[in-house]
């Protein structure tokens, strides 16, 4: 039975059941999407009539920021979307059903044509920003950028916290670090230039710079020109091999699995490899809306908890993100009760 709809103005959210609160959040999100699409429709007409001029504003952007009190980024997104939707009205349907976002439309708008807009918008449905950027560069590839090393001014060096590429990530028995889980600092740029090429820009410390120079010198026999992309790729390959070895026991020649002593918390390497392969390096928790898509901070989870006698076997071990592992543990211990 579907949860009863409630009025958000007549009742406190704290008084709602779990099912009612989830339903209400979804209803409000859908309402927000409809309101946004409605605003875009209105902006299309207001822009066409140039009504902002009569209101005392020199541009639609100024009107949105001064009269509507939108943040500059929010105003820019809405204006670009409105002008794209005026040309291609199907954008409004995507905004309403949530398959397209303002950011998606803003990134793709310069590349949409009468001939390609249907296929491009269809390929962009429910995509993340990084995926949209790759669609955009596929439509308009950019040339490769030269490899450059330069010293930053002292003032800039003080502001930018250097990235220590040689630091070792903390890894415990169950923790599986994934590179994309690390929030990129503001001074790190990773941007697609073409479907198979990316620009990477970052700030490094003096110590890391010196290590790079030493690597270039020592690698001259294999990389005569000291090519930075080649060195970067080889270094990442070595780091990736090490992380996969520690995280999911990935080795080129695995040994035959031995027996695990009864009552041991140890998860055999063979079990880790099989579980990682079976679950595809992704959280295997399945909720009411489907499977969790998280690939960061993964942990090995006992389906039947270890505290309840669960064994470290491939049938009882699954991957969980840190949040879902803790969530299921809390459910288990709550059901057990005190004592």
C-alpha atoms as a PDB file:
ATOM      1  CA  UNK A   1       0.000   0.000   0.000  1.00  0.00           C
ATOM      2  CA  UNK A   2       1.377   3.412  -0.974  1.00  0.00           C
ATOM      3  CA  UNK A   3       2.015   5.803   1.945  1.00  0.00           C
ATOM      4  CA  UNK A   4      -0.634   8.481   2.444  1.00  0.00           C
ATOM      5  CA  UNK A   5       0.247  11.899   1.032  1.00  0.00           C
ATOM      6  CA  UNK A   6       0.598  14.635   3.632  1.00  0.00           C
ATOM      7  CA  UNK A   7       0.717  18.422   3.516  1.00  0.00           C
ATOM      8  CA  UNK A   8       4.181  19.735   4.396  1.00  0.00           C
ATOM      9  CA  UNK A   9       2.576  22.926   5.707  1.00  0.00           C
ATOM     10  CA  UNK A  10       0.197  21.238   8.146  1.00  0.00           C
ATOM     11  CA  UNK A  11       2.454  18.711   9.887  1.00  0.00           C
ATOM     12  CA  UNK A  12       5.982  18.532  11.233  1.00  0.00           C
ATOM     13  CA  UNK A  13       8.312  16.258   9.327  1.00  0.00           C
ATOM     14  CA  UNK A  14       9.393  14.814  12.668  1.00  0.00           C
ATOM     15  CA  UNK A  15       5.865  13.427  13.088  1.00  0.00           C
ATOM     16  CA  UNK A  16       5.967  11.440   9.848  1.00  0.00           C
ATOM     17  CA  UNK A  17       6.683   7.734   9.627  1.00  0.00           C
ATOM     18  CA  UNK A  18       9.752   6.639   7.667  1.00  0.00           C
ATOM     19  CA  UNK A  19       7.601   5.704   4.659  1.00  0.00           C
ATOM     20  CA  UNK A  20       5.678   8.985   4.770  1.00  0.00           C
ATOM     21  CA  UNK A  21       8.859  11.058   5.035  1.00  0.00           C
ATOM     22  CA  UNK A  22      10.485   9.306   2.052  1.00  0.00           C
ATOM     23  CA  UNK A  23       7.311   9.795   0.012  1.00  0.00           C
ATOM     24  CA  UNK A  24       7.114  13.452   1.025  1.00  0.00           C
ATOM     25  CA  UNK A  25      10.730  14.136   0.060  1.00  0.00           C
ATOM     26  CA  UNK A  26      10.124  12.595  -3.362  1.00  0.00           C
ATOM     27  CA  UNK A  27       6.929  14.631  -3.770  1.00  0.00           C
ATOM     28  CA  UNK A  28       8.716  17.859  -2.862  1.00  0.00           C
ATOM     29  CA  UNK A  29      11.588  17.084  -5.256  1.00  0.00           C
ATOM     30  CA  UNK A  30       9.091  16.514  -8.081  1.00  0.00           C
ATOM     31  CA  UNK A  31       7.328  19.744  -7.126  1.00  0.00           C
ATOM     32  CA  UNK A  32      10.638  21.610  -7.228  1.00  0.00           C
ATOM     33  CA  UNK A  33      11.377  20.230 -10.694  1.00  0.00           C
ATOM     34  CA  UNK A  34       7.957  21.365 -11.933  1.00  0.00           C
ATOM     35  CA  UNK A  35       8.489  24.803 -10.395  1.00  0.00           C
ATOM     36  CA  UNK A  36      11.915  25.087 -12.046  1.00  0.00           C
ATOM     37  CA  UNK A  37      10.505  24.088 -15.423  1.00  0.00           C
ATOM     38  CA  UNK A  38       7.719  26.644 -14.908  1.00  0.00           C
ATOM     39  CA  UNK A  39      10.253  29.370 -14.153  1.00  0.00           C
ATOM     40  CA  UNK A  40      12.208  28.443 -17.289  1.00  0.00           C
ATOM     41  CA  UNK A  41       9.017  28.713 -19.367  1.00  0.00           C
ATOM     42  CA  UNK A  42       8.325  32.137 -17.902  1.00  0.00           C
ATOM     43  CA  UNK A  43      11.900  33.302 -18.485  1.00  0.00           C
ATOM     44  CA  UNK A  44      11.663  32.224 -22.135  1.00  0.00           C
ATOM     45  CA  UNK A  45       8.703  34.535 -22.669  1.00  0.00           C
ATOM     46  CA  UNK A  46      10.097  37.345 -20.489  1.00  0.00           C
ATOM     47  CA  UNK A  47      13.358  37.213 -22.457  1.00  0.00           C
ATOM     48  CA  UNK A  48      11.526  37.210 -25.787  1.00  0.00           C
ATOM     49  CA  UNK A  49       9.550  40.318 -24.779  1.00  0.00           C
ATOM     50  CA  UNK A  50      12.619  41.895 -23.143  1.00  0.00           C
ATOM     51  CA  UNK A  51      10.435  42.905 -20.221  1.00  0.00           C
ATOM     52  CA  UNK A  52      13.472  43.307 -17.981  1.00  0.00           C
ATOM     53  CA  UNK A  53      14.232  46.585 -19.773  1.00  0.00           C
ATOM     54  CA  UNK A  54      10.968  48.140 -18.663  1.00  0.00           C
ATOM     55  CA  UNK A  55      11.637  46.932 -15.124  1.00  0.00           C
ATOM     56  CA  UNK A  56      14.842  48.973 -15.082  1.00  0.00           C
ATOM     57  CA  UNK A  57      17.431  46.264 -15.788  1.00  0.00           C
ATOM     58  CA  UNK A  58      19.853  46.243 -18.694  1.00  0.00           C
ATOM     59  CA  UNK A  59      19.925  42.477 -19.165  1.00  0.00           C
ATOM     60  CA  UNK A  60      18.088  39.304 -18.224  1.00  0.00           C
ATOM     61  CA  UNK A  61      21.077  38.302 -16.084  1.00  0.00           C
ATOM     62  CA  UNK A  62      20.896  41.513 -14.064  1.00  0.00           C
ATOM     63  CA  UNK A  63      17.142  41.053 -13.687  1.00  0.00           C
ATOM     64  CA  UNK A  64      17.579  37.498 -12.382  1.00  0.00           C
ATOM     65  CA  UNK A  65      20.273  38.461  -9.874  1.00  0.00           C
ATOM     66  CA  UNK A  66      18.828  41.809  -8.735  1.00  0.00           C
ATOM     67  CA  UNK A  67      15.053  41.400  -9.021  1.00  0.00           C
ATOM     68  CA  UNK A  68      14.709  37.631  -8.506  1.00  0.00           C
ATOM     69  CA  UNK A  69      17.677  37.476  -6.076  1.00  0.00           C
ATOM     70  CA  UNK A  70      19.189  34.416  -7.741  1.00  0.00           C
ATOM     71  CA  UNK A  71      22.857  33.647  -7.192  1.00  0.00           C
ATOM     72  CA  UNK A  72      24.994  34.405 -10.240  1.00  0.00           C
ATOM     73  CA  UNK A  73      25.562  30.734 -11.035  1.00  0.00           C
ATOM     74  CA  UNK A  74      21.876  29.930 -10.612  1.00  0.00           C
ATOM     75  CA  UNK A  75      20.911  32.836 -12.878  1.00  0.00           C
ATOM     76  CA  UNK A  76      23.409  31.813 -15.548  1.00  0.00           C
ATOM     77  CA  UNK A  77      22.182  28.195 -15.529  1.00  0.00           C
ATOM     78  CA  UNK A  78      18.544  29.241 -15.853  1.00  0.00           C
ATOM     79  CA  UNK A  79      19.152  31.776 -18.606  1.00  0.00           C
ATOM     80  CA  UNK A  80      21.218  29.355 -20.699  1.00  0.00           C
ATOM     81  CA  UNK A  81      18.597  26.662 -20.169  1.00  0.00           C
ATOM     82  CA  UNK A  82      15.749  29.027 -21.092  1.00  0.00           C
ATOM     83  CA  UNK A  83      17.421  30.048 -24.342  1.00  0.00           C
ATOM     84  CA  UNK A  84      18.210  26.437 -25.222  1.00  0.00           C
ATOM     85  CA  UNK A  85      14.649  25.328 -24.350  1.00  0.00           C
ATOM     86  CA  UNK A  86      13.241  28.051 -26.579  1.00  0.00           C
ATOM     87  CA  UNK A  87      15.009  26.361 -29.492  1.00  0.00           C
ATOM     88  CA  UNK A  88      14.382  22.806 -28.298  1.00  0.00           C
ATOM     89  CA  UNK A  89      11.206  22.586 -26.138  1.00  0.00           C
ATOM     90  CA  UNK A  90      11.782  18.892 -25.275  1.00  0.00           C
ATOM     91  CA  UNK A  91      14.320  20.160 -22.737  1.00  0.00           C
ATOM     92  CA  UNK A  92      11.422  21.268 -20.544  1.00  0.00           C
ATOM     93  CA  UNK A  93      10.062  17.719 -20.385  1.00  0.00           C
ATOM     94  CA  UNK A  94      13.468  16.473 -19.249  1.00  0.00           C
ATOM     95  CA  UNK A  95      13.630  19.114 -16.524  1.00  0.00           C
ATOM     96  CA  UNK A  96      10.204  18.133 -15.221  1.00  0.00           C
ATOM     97  CA  UNK A  97      10.822  14.386 -15.070  1.00  0.00           C
ATOM     98  CA  UNK A  98      14.339  14.833 -13.671  1.00  0.00           C
ATOM     99  CA  UNK A  99      16.176  13.198 -16.563  1.00  0.00           C
ATOM    100  CA  UNK A 100      17.912  16.504 -17.367  1.00  0.00           C
ATOM    101  CA  UNK A 101      19.313  19.116 -15.006  1.00  0.00           C
ATOM    102  CA  UNK A 102      20.045  22.793 -15.478  1.00  0.00           C
ATOM    103  CA  UNK A 103      23.778  22.036 -15.426  1.00  0.00           C
ATOM    104  CA  UNK A 104      23.350  19.345 -18.072  1.00  0.00           C
ATOM    105  CA  UNK A 105      21.509  21.701 -20.401  1.00  0.00           C
ATOM    106  CA  UNK A 106      23.950  24.559 -19.796  1.00  0.00           C
ATOM    107  CA  UNK A 107      26.936  22.355 -20.703  1.00  0.00           C
ATOM    108  CA  UNK A 108      25.315  20.909 -23.818  1.00  0.00           C
ATOM    109  CA  UNK A 109      23.476  24.001 -25.077  1.00  0.00           C
ATOM    110  CA  UNK A 110      26.375  25.380 -27.185  1.00  0.00           C
ATOM    111  CA  UNK A 111      26.611  22.058 -29.051  1.00  0.00           C
ATOM    112  CA  UNK A 112      22.921  21.385 -29.746  1.00  0.00           C
ATOM    113  CA  UNK A 113      21.675  21.627 -33.312  1.00  0.00           C
ATOM    114  CA  UNK A 114      18.420  20.878 -35.076  1.00  0.00           C
ATOM    115  CA  UNK A 115      20.019  17.690 -36.411  1.00  0.00           C
ATOM    116  CA  UNK A 116      21.592  16.338 -33.198  1.00  0.00           C
ATOM    117  CA  UNK A 117      19.531  17.634 -30.266  1.00  0.00           C
ATOM    118  CA  UNK A 118      17.253  14.584 -29.987  1.00  0.00           C
ATOM    119  CA  UNK A 119      20.115  12.073 -29.854  1.00  0.00           C
ATOM    120  CA  UNK A 120      22.362  14.239 -27.658  1.00  0.00           C
ATOM    121  CA  UNK A 121      19.639  14.948 -25.089  1.00  0.00           C
ATOM    122  CA  UNK A 122      18.653  11.270 -25.070  1.00  0.00           C
ATOM    123  CA  UNK A 123      22.265  10.254 -24.359  1.00  0.00           C
ATOM    124  CA  UNK A 124      22.463  12.788 -21.519  1.00  0.00           C
ATOM    125  CA  UNK A 125      19.458  11.516 -19.538  1.00  0.00           C
ATOM    126  CA  UNK A 126      20.265  10.905 -15.851  1.00  0.00           C
ATOM    127  CA  UNK A 127      23.994  11.386 -16.471  1.00  0.00           C
ATOM    128  CA  UNK A 128      26.445  12.883 -13.962  1.00  0.00           C
ATOM    129  CA  UNK A 129      28.256  16.128 -14.699  1.00  0.00           C
ATOM    130  CA  UNK A 130      31.526  14.347 -15.565  1.00  0.00           C
ATOM    131  CA  UNK A 131      29.698  12.177 -18.090  1.00  0.00           C
ATOM    132  CA  UNK A 132      27.997  15.240 -19.581  1.00  0.00           C
ATOM    133  CA  UNK A 133      31.387  16.940 -19.982  1.00  0.00           C
ATOM    134  CA  UNK A 134      32.588  13.937 -21.980  1.00  0.00           C
ATOM    135  CA  UNK A 135      29.526  14.103 -24.225  1.00  0.00           C
ATOM    136  CA  UNK A 136      30.241  17.804 -24.771  1.00  0.00           C
ATOM    137  CA  UNK A 137      33.887  17.302 -25.750  1.00  0.00           C
ATOM    138  CA  UNK A 138      32.894  14.462 -28.072  1.00  0.00           C
ATOM    139  CA  UNK A 139      30.779  17.033 -29.907  1.00  0.00           C
ATOM    140  CA  UNK A 140      33.582  19.611 -29.877  1.00  0.00           C
ATOM    141  CA  UNK A 141      37.024  18.040 -29.182  1.00  0.00           C
ATOM    142  CA  UNK A 142      39.772  20.322 -27.903  1.00  0.00           C
ATOM    143  CA  UNK A 143      43.471  20.097 -28.829  1.00  0.00           C
ATOM    144  CA  UNK A 144      45.943  18.479 -26.460  1.00  0.00           C
ATOM    145  CA  UNK A 145      47.658  20.767 -23.966  1.00  0.00           C
ATOM    146  CA  UNK A 146      51.469  20.807 -23.632  1.00  0.00           C
ATOM    147  CA  UNK A 147      53.118  19.331 -20.530  1.00  0.00           C
ATOM    148  CA  UNK A 148      54.350  22.255 -18.441  1.00  0.00           C
ATOM    149  CA  UNK A 149      56.225  22.538 -15.135  1.00  0.00           C
ATOM    150  CA  UNK A 150      56.565  26.024 -13.662  1.00  0.00           C
ATOM    151  CA  UNK A 151      57.226  27.535 -10.270  1.00  0.00           C
ATOM    152  CA  UNK A 152      54.284  29.389  -8.747  1.00  0.00           C
ATOM    153  CA  UNK A 153      54.667  32.820  -7.119  1.00  0.00           C
ATOM    154  CA  UNK A 154      55.338  32.681  -3.366  1.00  0.00           C
ATOM    155  CA  UNK A 155      51.907  34.110  -2.519  1.00  0.00           C
ATOM    156  CA  UNK A 156      50.187  31.390  -4.529  1.00  0.00           C
ATOM    157  CA  UNK A 157      52.356  28.697  -2.965  1.00  0.00           C
ATOM    158  CA  UNK A 158      51.200  29.744   0.487  1.00  0.00           C
ATOM    159  CA  UNK A 159      47.544  29.562  -0.511  1.00  0.00           C
ATOM    160  CA  UNK A 160      47.687  26.194  -2.265  1.00  0.00           C
ATOM    161  CA  UNK A 161      48.084  23.135  -0.106  1.00  0.00           C
ATOM    162  CA  UNK A 162      50.453  20.819  -2.009  1.00  0.00           C
ATOM    163  CA  UNK A 163      49.435  17.296  -2.939  1.00  0.00           C
ATOM    164  CA  UNK A 164      51.779  14.637  -1.614  1.00  0.00           C
ATOM    165  CA  UNK A 165      51.650  12.000  -4.335  1.00  0.00           C
ATOM    166  CA  UNK A 166      53.870   9.672  -2.331  1.00  0.00           C
ATOM    167  CA  UNK A 167      51.689   9.532   0.793  1.00  0.00           C
ATOM    168  CA  UNK A 168      50.397   6.056   1.655  1.00  0.00           C
ATOM    169  CA  UNK A 169      46.633   5.700   2.113  1.00  0.00           C
ATOM    170  CA  UNK A 170      45.458   4.250   5.377  1.00  0.00           C
ATOM    171  CA  UNK A 171      44.129   0.760   4.736  1.00  0.00           C
ATOM    172  CA  UNK A 172      42.600  -1.502   7.365  1.00  0.00           C
ATOM    173  CA  UNK A 173      41.366  -5.044   7.016  1.00  0.00           C
ATOM    174  CA  UNK A 174      37.992  -4.133   5.557  1.00  0.00           C
ATOM    175  CA  UNK A 175      38.596  -0.720   4.052  1.00  0.00           C
ATOM    176  CA  UNK A 176      38.856  -0.576   0.266  1.00  0.00           C
ATOM    177  CA  UNK A 177      40.033   2.906  -0.807  1.00  0.00           C
ATOM    178  CA  UNK A 178      38.954   4.040  -4.257  1.00  0.00           C
ATOM    179  CA  UNK A 179      40.614   6.970  -6.021  1.00  0.00           C
ATOM    180  CA  UNK A 180      37.384   8.706  -7.050  1.00  0.00           C
ATOM    181  CA  UNK A 181      36.268   8.865  -3.405  1.00  0.00           C
ATOM    182  CA  UNK A 182      38.876  11.533  -2.660  1.00  0.00           C
ATOM    183  CA  UNK A 183      37.428  15.022  -2.976  1.00  0.00           C
ATOM    184  CA  UNK A 184      39.533  16.975  -5.447  1.00  0.00           C
ATOM    185  CA  UNK A 185      40.907  20.224  -3.989  1.00  0.00           C
ATOM    186  CA  UNK A 186      39.942  23.426  -5.765  1.00  0.00           C
ATOM    187  CA  UNK A 187      43.388  23.838  -7.332  1.00  0.00           C
ATOM    188  CA  UNK A 188      43.242  20.431  -9.066  1.00  0.00           C
ATOM    189  CA  UNK A 189      41.707  20.403 -12.536  1.00  0.00           C
ATOM    190  CA  UNK A 190      40.665  17.258 -14.394  1.00  0.00           C
ATOM    191  CA  UNK A 191      38.811  18.152 -17.581  1.00  0.00           C
ATOM    192  CA  UNK A 192      38.058  16.177 -20.750  1.00  0.00           C
ATOM    193  CA  UNK A 193      39.514  17.544 -23.989  1.00  0.00           C
ATOM    194  CA  UNK A 194      38.220  14.806 -26.288  1.00  0.00           C
ATOM    195  CA  UNK A 195      36.552  11.390 -25.789  1.00  0.00           C
ATOM    196  CA  UNK A 196      39.939   9.729 -25.121  1.00  0.00           C
ATOM    197  CA  UNK A 197      42.007  12.658 -23.791  1.00  0.00           C
ATOM    198  CA  UNK A 198      41.922  14.613 -20.522  1.00  0.00           C
ATOM    199  CA  UNK A 199      43.667  17.671 -19.128  1.00  0.00           C
ATOM    200  CA  UNK A 200      45.106  17.268 -15.604  1.00  0.00           C
ATOM    201  CA  UNK A 201      46.434  20.299 -13.738  1.00  0.00           C
ATOM    202  CA  UNK A 202      47.625  20.301 -10.128  1.00  0.00           C
ATOM    203  CA  UNK A 203      49.990  21.929  -7.663  1.00  0.00           C
ATOM    204  CA  UNK A 204      52.792  19.849  -6.144  1.00  0.00           C
ATOM    205  CA  UNK A 205      55.319  20.448  -3.371  1.00  0.00           C
ATOM    206  CA  UNK A 206      59.029  21.062  -3.845  1.00  0.00           C
ATOM    207  CA  UNK A 207      59.730  17.534  -2.574  1.00  0.00           C
ATOM    208  CA  UNK A 208      57.348  16.000  -5.125  1.00  0.00           C
ATOM    209  CA  UNK A 209      58.851  18.162  -7.880  1.00  0.00           C
ATOM    210  CA  UNK A 210      62.328  16.898  -6.997  1.00  0.00           C
ATOM    211  CA  UNK A 211      61.116  13.294  -7.078  1.00  0.00           C
ATOM    212  CA  UNK A 212      59.631  13.901 -10.514  1.00  0.00           C
ATOM    213  CA  UNK A 213      62.926  15.288 -11.785  1.00  0.00           C
ATOM    214  CA  UNK A 214      64.773  12.248 -10.425  1.00  0.00           C
ATOM    215  CA  UNK A 215      62.278   9.898 -12.082  1.00  0.00           C
ATOM    216  CA  UNK A 216      62.728  11.691 -15.411  1.00  0.00           C
ATOM    217  CA  UNK A 217      66.493  11.351 -15.136  1.00  0.00           C
ATOM    218  CA  UNK A 218      66.446   7.671 -14.159  1.00  0.00           C
ATOM    219  CA  UNK A 219      63.860   6.779 -16.809  1.00  0.00           C
ATOM    220  CA  UNK A 220      65.734   8.344 -19.742  1.00  0.00           C
ATOM    221  CA  UNK A 221      66.700   4.906 -21.146  1.00  0.00           C
ATOM    222  CA  UNK A 222      63.020   3.899 -21.406  1.00  0.00           C
ATOM    223  CA  UNK A 223      61.523   7.399 -21.842  1.00  0.00           C
ATOM    224  CA  UNK A 224      64.239   9.455 -23.592  1.00  0.00           C
ATOM    225  CA  UNK A 225      62.236  12.678 -23.791  1.00  0.00           C
ATOM    226  CA  UNK A 226      61.069  12.519 -20.165  1.00  0.00           C
ATOM    227  CA  UNK A 227      57.445  12.621 -21.357  1.00  0.00           C
ATOM    228  CA  UNK A 228      55.275  13.550 -18.362  1.00  0.00           C
ATOM    229  CA  UNK A 229      52.068  11.788 -19.491  1.00  0.00           C
ATOM    230  CA  UNK A 230      54.012   8.528 -19.930  1.00  0.00           C
ATOM    231  CA  UNK A 231      55.631   8.857 -16.493  1.00  0.00           C
ATOM    232  CA  UNK A 232      52.279   9.750 -14.939  1.00  0.00           C
ATOM    233  CA  UNK A 233      50.639   6.685 -16.509  1.00  0.00           C
ATOM    234  CA  UNK A 234      53.393   4.315 -15.356  1.00  0.00           C
ATOM    235  CA  UNK A 235      53.349   5.728 -11.830  1.00  0.00           C
ATOM    236  CA  UNK A 236      49.558   5.364 -11.628  1.00  0.00           C
ATOM    237  CA  UNK A 237      49.795   1.790 -12.931  1.00  0.00           C
ATOM    238  CA  UNK A 238      52.211   0.871 -10.143  1.00  0.00           C
ATOM    239  CA  UNK A 239      50.061   2.612  -7.513  1.00  0.00           C
ATOM    240  CA  UNK A 240      46.896   0.985  -8.837  1.00  0.00           C
ATOM    241  CA  UNK A 241      48.481  -2.468  -8.711  1.00  0.00           C
ATOM    242  CA  UNK A 242      49.511  -1.865  -5.100  1.00  0.00           C
ATOM    243  CA  UNK A 243      46.084  -0.552  -4.066  1.00  0.00           C
ATOM    244  CA  UNK A 244      44.278  -3.450  -5.744  1.00  0.00           C
ATOM    245  CA  UNK A 245      46.654  -5.932  -4.108  1.00  0.00           C
ATOM    246  CA  UNK A 246      45.913  -4.493  -0.672  1.00  0.00           C
ATOM    247  CA  UNK A 247      42.221  -3.825  -1.241  1.00  0.00           C
ATOM    248  CA  UNK A 248      40.977  -6.916  -3.030  1.00  0.00           C
ATOM    249  CA  UNK A 249      43.986  -9.265  -3.013  1.00  0.00           C
ATOM    250  CA  UNK A 250      44.505  -8.848  -6.751  1.00  0.00           C
ATOM    251  CA  UNK A 251      47.642 -10.755  -7.758  1.00  0.00           C
ATOM    252  CA  UNK A 252      48.914 -12.186 -11.031  1.00  0.00           C
ATOM    253  CA  UNK A 253      49.444 -15.693  -9.605  1.00  0.00           C
ATOM    254  CA  UNK A 254      47.100 -16.326  -6.659  1.00  0.00           C
ATOM    255  CA  UNK A 255      47.964 -19.117  -4.253  1.00  0.00           C
ATOM    256  CA  UNK A 256      45.525 -21.881  -3.472  1.00  0.00           C
ATOM    257  CA  UNK A 257      43.195 -20.862  -0.675  1.00  0.00           C
ATOM    258  CA  UNK A 258      43.763 -22.435   2.706  1.00  0.00           C
ATOM    259  CA  UNK A 259      41.184 -23.253   5.333  1.00  0.00           C
ATOM    260  CA  UNK A 260      40.044 -20.505   7.661  1.00  0.00           C
ATOM    261  CA  UNK A 261      40.085 -21.447  11.358  1.00  0.00           C
ATOM    262  CA  UNK A 262      36.618 -21.589  12.885  1.00  0.00           C
ATOM    263  CA  UNK A 263      35.687 -18.339  14.608  1.00  0.00           C
ATOM    264  CA  UNK A 264      38.337 -16.290  12.793  1.00  0.00           C
ATOM    265  CA  UNK A 265      37.522 -12.769  11.567  1.00  0.00           C
ATOM    266  CA  UNK A 266      40.138 -13.110   8.830  1.00  0.00           C
ATOM    267  CA  UNK A 267      38.794 -12.927   5.280  1.00  0.00           C
ATOM    268  CA  UNK A 268      40.948 -15.061   2.947  1.00  0.00           C
ATOM    269  CA  UNK A 269      42.491 -13.404  -0.083  1.00  0.00           C
ATOM    270  CA  UNK A 270      40.679 -15.837  -2.389  1.00  0.00           C
ATOM    271  CA  UNK A 271      37.338 -14.786  -0.887  1.00  0.00           C
ATOM    272  CA  UNK A 272      38.198 -11.094  -1.312  1.00  0.00           C
ATOM    273  CA  UNK A 273      39.096 -11.622  -4.970  1.00  0.00           C
ATOM    274  CA  UNK A 274      35.911 -13.536  -5.736  1.00  0.00           C
ATOM    275  CA  UNK A 275      33.642 -11.122  -3.838  1.00  0.00           C
ATOM    276  CA  UNK A 276      35.246  -8.107  -5.542  1.00  0.00           C
ATOM    277  CA  UNK A 277      34.840  -9.745  -8.955  1.00  0.00           C
ATOM    278  CA  UNK A 278      31.271 -10.882  -8.291  1.00  0.00           C
ATOM    279  CA  UNK A 279      30.085  -7.521  -6.907  1.00  0.00           C
ATOM    280  CA  UNK A 280      31.932  -5.557  -9.581  1.00  0.00           C
ATOM    281  CA  UNK A 281      33.810  -3.320  -7.123  1.00  0.00           C
ATOM    282  CA  UNK A 282      30.507  -1.711  -6.087  1.00  0.00           C
ATOM    283  CA  UNK A 283      28.350  -1.656  -2.975  1.00  0.00           C
ATOM    284  CA  UNK A 284      25.942  -4.603  -3.202  1.00  0.00           C
ATOM    285  CA  UNK A 285      23.288  -3.178  -0.856  1.00  0.00           C
ATOM    286  CA  UNK A 286      19.846  -3.205  -2.488  1.00  0.00           C
ATOM    287  CA  UNK A 287      17.255  -0.766  -1.190  1.00  0.00           C
ATOM    288  CA  UNK A 288      13.681  -0.085  -2.221  1.00  0.00           C
ATOM    289  CA  UNK A 289      14.844   2.053  -5.150  1.00  0.00           C
ATOM    290  CA  UNK A 290      17.502  -0.385  -6.324  1.00  0.00           C
ATOM    291  CA  UNK A 291      21.178  -1.160  -5.766  1.00  0.00           C
ATOM    292  CA  UNK A 292      23.568   1.353  -4.228  1.00  0.00           C
ATOM    293  CA  UNK A 293      25.919   2.765  -6.893  1.00  0.00           C
ATOM    294  CA  UNK A 294      28.756   3.738  -4.521  1.00  0.00           C
ATOM    295  CA  UNK A 295      32.276   2.582  -5.424  1.00  0.00           C
ATOM    296  CA  UNK A 296      34.144   4.537  -2.754  1.00  0.00           C
ATOM    297  CA  UNK A 297      35.204   3.511   0.754  1.00  0.00           C
ATOM    298  CA  UNK A 298      34.105  -0.085   0.190  1.00  0.00           C
ATOM    299  CA  UNK A 299      34.210  -2.641   2.989  1.00  0.00           C
ATOM    300  CA  UNK A 300      33.800  -6.405   3.205  1.00  0.00           C
ATOM    301  CA  UNK A 301      30.455  -7.080   4.877  1.00  0.00           C
ATOM    302  CA  UNK A 302      29.227 -10.252   6.623  1.00  0.00           C
ATOM    303  CA  UNK A 303      25.653 -10.891   5.444  1.00  0.00           C
ATOM    304  CA  UNK A 304      25.157 -13.028   8.538  1.00  0.00           C
ATOM    305  CA  UNK A 305      27.098 -10.916  11.044  1.00  0.00           C
ATOM    306  CA  UNK A 306      30.320 -12.267  12.489  1.00  0.00           C
ATOM    307  CA  UNK A 307      28.841 -11.714  15.947  1.00  0.00           C
ATOM    308  CA  UNK A 308      26.066 -14.144  14.991  1.00  0.00           C
ATOM    309  CA  UNK A 309      28.477 -16.793  13.736  1.00  0.00           C
ATOM    310  CA  UNK A 310      28.710 -15.625  10.130  1.00  0.00           C
ATOM    311  CA  UNK A 311      31.614 -17.218   8.281  1.00  0.00           C
ATOM    312  CA  UNK A 312      34.102 -15.533   5.942  1.00  0.00           C
ATOM    313  CA  UNK A 313      32.910 -17.333   2.805  1.00  0.00           C
ATOM    314  CA  UNK A 314      32.029 -16.012  -0.638  1.00  0.00           C
ATOM    315  CA  UNK A 315      28.353 -16.746   0.012  1.00  0.00           C
ATOM    316  CA  UNK A 316      28.363 -14.733   3.259  1.00  0.00           C
ATOM    317  CA  UNK A 317      30.658 -11.842   2.287  1.00  0.00           C
ATOM    318  CA  UNK A 318      29.487  -8.935   0.132  1.00  0.00           C
ATOM    319  CA  UNK A 319      30.817  -5.478  -0.651  1.00  0.00           C
ATOM    320  CA  UNK A 320      29.263  -2.532   1.151  1.00  0.00           C
ATOM    321  CA  UNK A 321      30.057   1.149   1.149  1.00  0.00           C
ATOM    322  CA  UNK A 322      30.998   2.429   4.582  1.00  0.00           C
ATOM    323  CA  UNK A 323      27.581   4.018   5.113  1.00  0.00           C
ATOM    324  CA  UNK A 324      25.590   0.871   4.278  1.00  0.00           C
ATOM    325  CA  UNK A 325      27.929  -1.368   6.258  1.00  0.00           C
ATOM    326  CA  UNK A 326      27.346   0.792   9.339  1.00  0.00           C
ATOM    327  CA  UNK A 327      23.618   0.980   8.561  1.00  0.00           C
ATOM    328  CA  UNK A 328      23.200  -2.801   8.449  1.00  0.00           C
ATOM    329  CA  UNK A 329      25.289  -3.207  11.597  1.00  0.00           C
ATOM    330  CA  UNK A 330      23.040  -0.748  13.416  1.00  0.00           C
ATOM    331  CA  UNK A 331      19.937  -2.630  12.263  1.00  0.00           C
ATOM    332  CA  UNK A 332      21.377  -5.906  13.524  1.00  0.00           C
ATOM    333  CA  UNK A 333      22.399  -4.631  16.947  1.00  0.00           C
ATOM    334  CA  UNK A 334      19.114  -2.751  17.383  1.00  0.00           C
ATOM    335  CA  UNK A 335      17.214  -5.978  16.673  1.00  0.00           C
ATOM    336  CA  UNK A 336      19.390  -7.841  19.171  1.00  0.00           C
ATOM    337  CA  UNK A 337      18.465  -5.357  21.898  1.00  0.00           C
ATOM    338  CA  UNK A 338      20.388  -4.786  25.157  1.00  0.00           C
ATOM    339  CA  UNK A 339      22.298  -7.655  26.656  1.00  0.00           C
END
